[in-house]
Amino acid sequence: MDIWEALYRKAKEQYHPEDVSPLIYAHHVVCALESENGEIYTGFCIESCSGVVGNGKIQLKF
């Protein structure tokens, strides 16, 4: 298997889009990178809405 196939397979393991909460979702963007020593590192994206706390209430800004 070439390195591109190995990177694809490692990244694919991380890909499982999910809602963590009504305002947060994760694992919809993933990546795999090869270091100089040949180790493969993976990562994924977590996205959420921004919030501002004021007067003890959370105010969402979109």
N, C-alpha and C. Protein backbone atom coordinates (compact mmCIF):
# COMPACT_ATOMS: atom_id res chain seq x y z
N MET A 1 0.86 -1.17 0.00
CA MET A 1 0.00 0.00 0.00
C MET A 1 0.90 1.24 0.00
N ASP A 2 0.59 2.21 -0.87
CA ASP A 2 1.38 3.44 -0.89
C ASP A 2 0.97 4.37 0.24
N ILE A 3 1.76 5.42 0.46
CA ILE A 3 1.53 6.31 1.60
C ILE A 3 0.19 7.03 1.49
N TRP A 4 -0.25 7.37 0.28
CA TRP A 4 -1.53 8.07 0.12
C TRP A 4 -2.69 7.20 0.56
N GLU A 5 -2.62 5.94 0.24
CA GLU A 5 -3.66 5.00 0.67
C GLU A 5 -3.63 4.84 2.20
N ALA A 6 -2.43 4.76 2.78
CA ALA A 6 -2.30 4.63 4.23
C ALA A 6 -2.87 5.87 4.93
N LEU A 7 -2.56 7.07 4.42
CA LEU A 7 -3.08 8.30 5.01
C LEU A 7 -4.60 8.35 4.89
N TYR A 8 -5.12 7.97 3.74
CA TYR A 8 -6.57 7.96 3.53
C TYR A 8 -7.25 7.04 4.53
N ARG A 9 -6.72 5.84 4.69
CA ARG A 9 -7.34 4.87 5.61
C ARG A 9 -7.30 5.35 7.06
N LYS A 10 -6.19 5.96 7.47
CA LYS A 10 -6.09 6.48 8.84
C LYS A 10 -7.08 7.61 9.06
N ALA A 11 -7.19 8.52 8.08
CA ALA A 11 -8.14 9.64 8.22
C ALA A 11 -9.58 9.12 8.23
N LYS A 12 -9.86 8.13 7.39
CA LYS A 12 -11.22 7.58 7.30
C LYS A 12 -11.69 7.01 8.64
N GLU A 13 -10.76 6.48 9.44
CA GLU A 13 -11.12 5.96 10.77
C GLU A 13 -11.70 7.05 11.67
N GLN A 14 -11.26 8.30 11.47
CA GLN A 14 -11.72 9.42 12.28
C GLN A 14 -13.03 10.02 11.78
N TYR A 15 -13.42 9.69 10.55
CA TYR A 15 -14.59 10.31 9.95
C TYR A 15 -15.88 9.63 10.39
N HIS A 16 -16.60 10.28 11.26
CA HIS A 16 -17.94 9.83 11.68
C HIS A 16 -18.67 11.06 12.22
N PRO A 17 -19.21 11.90 11.32
CA PRO A 17 -19.88 13.14 11.74
C PRO A 17 -20.92 12.87 12.83
N GLU A 18 -20.89 13.70 13.87
CA GLU A 18 -21.83 13.53 14.97
C GLU A 18 -22.14 14.86 15.64
N ASP A 19 -23.32 14.96 16.18
CA ASP A 19 -23.71 16.11 17.00
C ASP A 19 -23.32 15.79 18.44
N VAL A 20 -22.40 16.56 18.99
CA VAL A 20 -21.99 16.38 20.37
C VAL A 20 -23.05 16.98 21.29
N SER A 21 -23.65 18.07 20.86
CA SER A 21 -24.75 18.73 21.56
C SER A 21 -25.54 19.48 20.49
N PRO A 22 -26.63 20.15 20.86
CA PRO A 22 -27.38 20.91 19.85
C PRO A 22 -26.54 22.02 19.19
N LEU A 23 -25.45 22.44 19.83
CA LEU A 23 -24.65 23.54 19.30
C LEU A 23 -23.23 23.14 18.89
N ILE A 24 -22.87 21.88 19.07
CA ILE A 24 -21.50 21.43 18.78
C ILE A 24 -21.56 20.17 17.93
N TYR A 25 -20.76 20.16 16.86
CA TYR A 25 -20.64 18.93 16.07
C TYR A 25 -19.17 18.67 15.75
N ALA A 26 -18.86 17.41 15.49
CA ALA A 26 -17.47 17.01 15.34
C ALA A 26 -17.30 15.88 14.34
N HIS A 27 -16.05 15.64 14.00
CA HIS A 27 -15.62 14.54 13.13
C HIS A 27 -16.15 14.63 11.70
N HIS A 28 -16.48 15.83 11.23
CA HIS A 28 -16.96 15.99 9.85
C HIS A 28 -15.83 16.43 8.92
N VAL A 29 -14.72 16.90 9.48
CA VAL A 29 -13.51 17.22 8.72
C VAL A 29 -12.36 16.52 9.43
N VAL A 30 -11.62 15.69 8.71
CA VAL A 30 -10.53 14.92 9.31
C VAL A 30 -9.27 15.03 8.46
N CYS A 31 -8.13 14.64 9.06
CA CYS A 31 -6.90 14.64 8.29
C CYS A 31 -5.93 13.61 8.85
N ALA A 32 -4.95 13.25 8.04
CA ALA A 32 -3.85 12.39 8.45
C ALA A 32 -2.59 12.96 7.82
N LEU A 33 -1.54 13.08 8.63
CA LEU A 33 -0.27 13.64 8.17
C LEU A 33 0.86 12.68 8.50
N GLU A 34 1.85 12.62 7.62
CA GLU A 34 3.02 11.79 7.87
C GLU A 34 4.18 12.68 8.31
N SER A 35 4.83 12.33 9.41
CA SER A 35 5.98 13.09 9.88
C SER A 35 7.24 12.63 9.15
N GLU A 36 8.33 13.35 9.36
CA GLU A 36 9.60 12.99 8.70
C GLU A 36 10.06 11.60 9.07
N ASN A 37 9.76 11.15 10.30
CA ASN A 37 10.20 9.81 10.71
C ASN A 37 9.22 8.71 10.30
N GLY A 38 8.17 9.08 9.54
CA GLY A 38 7.24 8.08 9.02
C GLY A 38 6.01 7.83 9.87
N GLU A 39 5.95 8.46 11.06
CA GLU A 39 4.76 8.29 11.90
C GLU A 39 3.58 9.04 11.30
N ILE A 40 2.38 8.46 11.45
CA ILE A 40 1.17 9.09 10.93
C ILE A 40 0.35 9.63 12.09
N TYR A 41 0.00 10.92 11.99
CA TYR A 41 -0.81 11.58 13.00
C TYR A 41 -2.16 11.93 12.38
N THR A 42 -3.22 11.81 13.17
CA THR A 42 -4.56 12.13 12.68
C THR A 42 -5.18 13.22 13.53
N GLY A 43 -6.20 13.87 12.96
CA GLY A 43 -6.92 14.89 13.69
C GLY A 43 -8.31 15.07 13.12
N PHE A 44 -9.17 15.77 13.86
CA PHE A 44 -10.52 16.02 13.39
C PHE A 44 -10.97 17.39 13.88
N CYS A 45 -12.00 17.91 13.25
CA CYS A 45 -12.53 19.23 13.54
C CYS A 45 -13.70 19.15 14.52
N ILE A 46 -13.75 20.12 15.44
CA ILE A 46 -14.89 20.31 16.33
C ILE A 46 -15.38 21.73 16.11
N GLU A 47 -16.65 21.90 15.80
CA GLU A 47 -17.20 23.23 15.57
C GLU A 47 -18.34 23.49 16.54
N SER A 48 -18.45 24.76 16.95
CA SER A 48 -19.53 25.14 17.85
C SER A 48 -19.94 26.58 17.58
N CYS A 49 -21.10 26.93 18.10
CA CYS A 49 -21.57 28.32 18.03
C CYS A 49 -20.82 29.12 19.08
N SER A 50 -20.61 30.39 18.82
CA SER A 50 -19.97 31.27 19.80
C SER A 50 -21.01 31.74 20.81
N GLY A 51 -20.57 31.96 21.98
CA GLY A 51 -21.48 32.45 23.01
C GLY A 51 -20.82 33.53 23.84
N VAL A 52 -21.64 34.39 24.41
CA VAL A 52 -21.16 35.44 25.29
C VAL A 52 -21.98 35.35 26.57
N VAL A 53 -21.32 35.36 27.71
CA VAL A 53 -22.02 35.28 28.98
C VAL A 53 -22.21 36.68 29.53
N GLY A 54 -23.44 36.99 29.91
CA GLY A 54 -23.73 38.30 30.50
C GLY A 54 -24.95 38.20 31.39
N ASN A 55 -24.87 38.74 32.60
CA ASN A 55 -25.99 38.72 33.53
C ASN A 55 -26.43 37.29 33.87
N GLY A 56 -25.51 36.36 33.86
CA GLY A 56 -25.85 34.99 34.20
C GLY A 56 -26.58 34.24 33.11
N LYS A 57 -26.76 34.84 31.93
CA LYS A 57 -27.45 34.20 30.83
C LYS A 57 -26.49 34.09 29.66
N ILE A 58 -26.64 33.04 28.87
CA ILE A 58 -25.83 32.88 27.68
C ILE A 58 -26.56 33.49 26.50
N GLN A 59 -25.88 34.36 25.79
CA GLN A 59 -26.44 34.98 24.61
C GLN A 59 -25.67 34.47 23.40
N LEU A 60 -26.34 33.81 22.50
CA LEU A 60 -25.69 33.29 21.30
C LEU A 60 -25.63 34.34 20.22
N LYS A 61 -24.49 34.42 19.55
CA LYS A 61 -24.32 35.35 18.44
C LYS A 61 -24.08 34.55 17.17
N PHE A 62 -24.87 34.80 16.16
CA PHE A 62 -24.73 34.09 14.90
C PHE A 62 -24.31 35.03 13.80
